Protein backbone atom coordinates (compact mmCIF):
# COMPACT_ATOMS: atom_id res chain seq x y z
CA MET A 1 27.04 42.27 24.26
CA ARG A 2 26.71 38.89 22.50
CA LEU A 3 23.27 37.50 21.69
CA ALA A 4 22.60 33.91 22.74
CA ASP A 5 21.83 31.27 20.13
CA VAL A 6 18.07 30.81 19.70
CA TYR A 7 16.55 27.52 18.52
CA ASP A 8 12.91 27.72 17.44
CA THR A 9 11.88 24.09 16.96
CA LYS A 10 8.29 25.05 16.10
CA ARG A 11 9.31 26.95 12.96
CA PHE A 12 12.63 25.13 12.33
CA ILE A 13 14.69 28.28 12.92
CA ALA A 14 18.14 28.66 14.47
CA ILE A 15 19.36 32.24 15.10
CA SER A 16 22.83 33.39 16.06
CA GLU A 17 25.04 36.45 15.78
CA GLY A 18 27.73 36.11 13.07
CA ASN A 19 30.94 38.16 13.00
CA ALA A 20 32.52 37.74 9.57
CA GLU A 21 31.47 36.32 6.22
CA SER A 22 34.22 33.69 6.27
CA ASP A 23 32.85 32.47 9.59
CA VAL A 24 29.29 32.10 8.23
CA SER A 25 29.40 28.53 6.87
CA VAL A 26 31.12 27.21 10.00
CA LYS A 27 28.62 29.04 12.20
CA TYR A 28 25.63 27.73 10.20
CA ARG A 29 26.94 24.20 10.42
CA ALA A 30 27.36 24.51 14.19
CA LEU A 31 23.87 26.03 14.50
CA ALA A 32 22.32 23.18 12.51
CA LEU A 33 24.11 20.54 14.59
CA ASN A 34 23.04 22.18 17.84
CA PHE A 35 19.47 22.52 16.55
CA PHE A 36 19.23 18.80 15.86
CA LYS A 37 20.83 18.01 19.21
CA LYS A 38 18.06 20.05 20.85
CA LEU A 39 15.49 18.09 18.85
CA LYS A 40 16.97 14.78 19.98
CA GLU A 41 16.66 15.89 23.62
CA LEU A 42 12.91 16.37 23.26
CA PRO A 43 10.56 13.54 24.29
CA THR A 44 9.34 11.38 21.41
CA LYS A 45 6.31 9.31 20.56
CA TYR A 46 5.37 7.17 17.56
CA ASP A 47 2.35 7.32 15.29
CA LEU A 48 0.54 4.44 13.57
CA HIS A 49 3.24 4.16 10.89
CA ASN A 50 6.10 4.09 13.45
CA ALA A 51 7.18 7.58 12.38
CA THR A 52 8.95 9.54 15.12
CA GLN A 53 7.13 12.58 16.47
CA TYR A 54 8.92 15.02 18.78
CA VAL A 55 6.74 16.49 21.53
CA LEU A 56 7.61 20.09 22.34
CA PRO A 57 7.17 21.26 25.95
CA LYS A 58 4.69 24.01 26.82
CA GLU A 59 7.38 26.52 27.73
CA ILE A 60 8.77 26.70 24.19
CA LEU A 61 6.88 29.25 22.09
CA ALA A 62 3.97 29.39 24.52
CA HIS A 63 3.34 33.01 23.54
CA MET A 64 2.47 32.02 19.95
CA PRO A 65 -1.32 32.02 19.29
CA GLU A 66 -1.23 28.95 17.00
CA TYR A 67 0.85 26.96 19.49
CA SER A 68 -0.71 23.77 20.80
CA LYS A 69 0.39 21.56 23.68
CA GLU A 70 2.06 19.15 21.26
CA THR A 71 3.72 20.11 18.02
CA ILE A 72 3.90 17.32 15.48
CA PHE A 73 6.45 17.53 12.70
CA PRO A 74 5.13 17.20 9.15
CA ARG A 75 5.06 13.86 7.36
CA ALA A 76 7.98 12.87 5.18
CA ARG A 77 5.62 11.82 2.37
CA VAL A 78 2.18 12.88 1.26
CA LEU A 79 -0.75 10.76 2.43
CA PRO A 80 -1.71 8.24 -0.26
CA GLU A 81 -4.93 8.88 -2.13
CA GLU A 82 -7.82 6.59 -1.31
CA SER A 83 -8.04 4.02 -4.09
CA VAL A 84 -11.20 3.70 -6.15
CA LYS A 85 -13.20 0.59 -5.30
CA THR A 86 -13.57 -2.24 -7.80
CA LYS A 87 -16.97 -3.50 -8.88
CA TRP A 88 -16.72 -6.42 -6.47
CA GLU A 89 -15.81 -4.19 -3.52
CA MET A 90 -18.79 -1.90 -4.25
CA PHE A 91 -21.10 -4.91 -4.58
CA ALA A 92 -19.78 -6.43 -1.34
CA ALA A 93 -20.29 -3.15 0.52
CA ARG A 94 -23.83 -2.83 -0.85
CA LYS A 95 -24.76 -6.40 0.10
CA GLY A 96 -22.92 -6.37 3.43
CA ILE A 97 -20.43 -9.07 2.46
CA VAL A 98 -17.34 -9.06 4.66
CA ARG A 99 -14.16 -11.10 4.47
CA SER A 100 -14.17 -14.07 6.79
CA LYS A 101 -11.74 -13.80 9.67
CA ASN A 102 -11.13 -17.55 9.91
CA LYS A 103 -9.47 -18.16 6.57
CA THR A 104 -7.87 -21.53 5.93
CA GLY A 105 -4.70 -19.92 4.64
CA GLY A 106 -5.34 -20.91 1.02
CA ARG A 107 -5.17 -24.64 1.73
CA VAL A 108 -7.88 -27.24 1.16
CA TYR A 109 -8.03 -30.87 2.30
CA ASP A 110 -7.43 -33.20 -0.65
CA GLU A 111 -9.18 -36.53 -0.19
CA VAL A 112 -7.06 -38.26 -2.86
CA THR A 113 -3.70 -37.61 -1.19
CA ARG A 114 -5.22 -37.23 2.31
CA GLU A 115 -3.32 -34.05 3.08
CA TYR A 116 -3.78 -30.30 2.73
CA ALA A 117 -2.95 -28.81 -0.67
CA PRO A 118 -3.04 -25.25 -2.04
CA ALA A 119 -6.54 -24.21 -3.08
CA PHE A 120 -5.27 -22.84 -6.42
CA GLY A 121 -2.09 -22.68 -8.44
CA ARG A 122 0.70 -25.23 -8.72
CA GLY A 123 0.00 -28.43 -6.81
CA SER A 124 -3.60 -27.43 -6.14
CA LYS A 125 -6.45 -29.77 -5.44
CA ASN A 126 -7.94 -29.06 -8.87
CA ASP A 127 -4.70 -29.75 -10.74
CA LEU A 128 -5.38 -31.64 -13.98
CA ASP A 129 -2.85 -34.36 -13.15
CA ARG A 130 -4.80 -35.25 -10.03
CA ASN A 131 -8.07 -35.57 -11.94
CA TRP A 132 -7.09 -38.72 -13.79
CA LEU A 133 -10.67 -39.99 -13.58
CA ILE A 134 -13.54 -37.66 -14.44
CA GLU A 135 -17.06 -38.92 -13.97
CA VAL A 136 -19.38 -38.50 -16.98
CA LYS A 137 -23.00 -37.79 -16.17
CA ASP A 138 -25.86 -39.58 -17.94
CA HIS A 139 -26.97 -36.60 -20.03
CA GLU A 140 -23.41 -35.80 -21.28
CA ASP A 141 -21.67 -37.18 -24.36
CA PRO A 142 -19.09 -39.79 -23.21
CA MET A 143 -16.94 -39.36 -26.34
CA ILE A 144 -15.86 -35.78 -25.50
CA ASP A 145 -12.41 -35.52 -23.92
CA ARG A 146 -13.09 -34.13 -20.42
CA HIS A 147 -9.47 -33.10 -19.79
CA SER A 148 -9.35 -30.86 -22.87
CA LEU A 149 -12.77 -29.48 -21.90
CA LEU A 150 -11.41 -28.58 -18.45
CA LYS A 151 -8.40 -26.86 -20.03
CA GLU A 152 -10.64 -24.87 -22.39
CA ASN A 153 -12.90 -23.80 -19.52
CA LYS A 154 -9.85 -22.71 -17.54
CA LYS A 155 -8.61 -20.60 -20.48
CA LYS A 156 -12.06 -19.03 -20.92
CA ASN A 157 -12.20 -18.16 -17.22
CA LYS A 158 -8.74 -16.59 -17.39
CA ARG A 159 -9.75 -14.49 -20.41
CA ALA A 160 -12.95 -13.38 -18.70
CA GLN A 161 -10.98 -12.43 -15.58
CA LYS A 162 -8.52 -10.36 -17.66
CA ILE A 163 -11.44 -8.52 -19.27
CA LYS A 164 -12.92 -7.78 -15.83
CA GLU A 165 -9.57 -6.50 -14.56
CA TYR A 166 -9.19 -4.31 -17.66
CA ARG A 167 -12.67 -2.83 -17.17
CA ASN A 168 -11.93 -2.13 -13.49
CA LEU A 169 -8.69 -0.36 -14.43
CA LYS A 170 -10.45 1.62 -17.15
CA ARG A 171 -13.23 2.62 -14.76
CA THR A 172 -10.76 3.84 -12.14
CA ASP A 173 -8.79 5.95 -14.69
CA ARG A 174 -5.59 3.94 -14.18
CA ILE A 175 -5.56 2.71 -17.76
CA LYS A 176 -4.00 5.63 -19.66
CA CYS A 177 -0.90 3.66 -20.71
CA TYR A 178 -3.10 0.84 -22.06
CA GLU A 179 -5.26 3.26 -24.04
CA ARG A 180 -2.17 4.63 -25.77
CA ARG A 181 -1.12 1.10 -26.74
CA ASP A 182 -4.63 0.37 -28.11
CA ARG A 183 -4.54 3.56 -30.20
CA ASP A 184 -1.17 2.56 -31.68
CA ASN A 185 -2.51 -0.87 -32.62
CA GLU A 186 -5.54 0.66 -34.37
CA LEU A 187 -3.30 2.84 -36.53
CA MET A 188 -1.32 -0.15 -37.84
């Protein structure tokens, strides 16, 4: 009497009767192919990440106590850890600040050229080449070069932003490689 091949899709098991040891690898290969054919025949659905989930019918393994109506295969990758919030994100949550849904797409109307330009970066409205005339207020010294002052302020703002980013990384414990570099510099 020959036992029939059994395919347990709940526990990923395929069972068959083997005759000789030389026949084992061929038999295992055939079992694996048939197992995956059985899986492909099952109805499928998709989760939020478009990952395929095979839905097993009630009749398969219904006698098992831990069996549910639908068996979902495990994820291919581990769920990502929830990232630690930055200072700004914590402040925004505390104050109830939410991102606006009607963003302009990073473009601002430039009255000089009378067209939309990027809000920041290359070709932005605040580009130094566009500000060829800077108004000097009554209480300011007219002999100070305003263009160089704008450049200095921009550099200071960039440095301050880098420091804030560094502190956020340090606070969230994602800074270990930077700490090693700082230690090496102190030794020299």
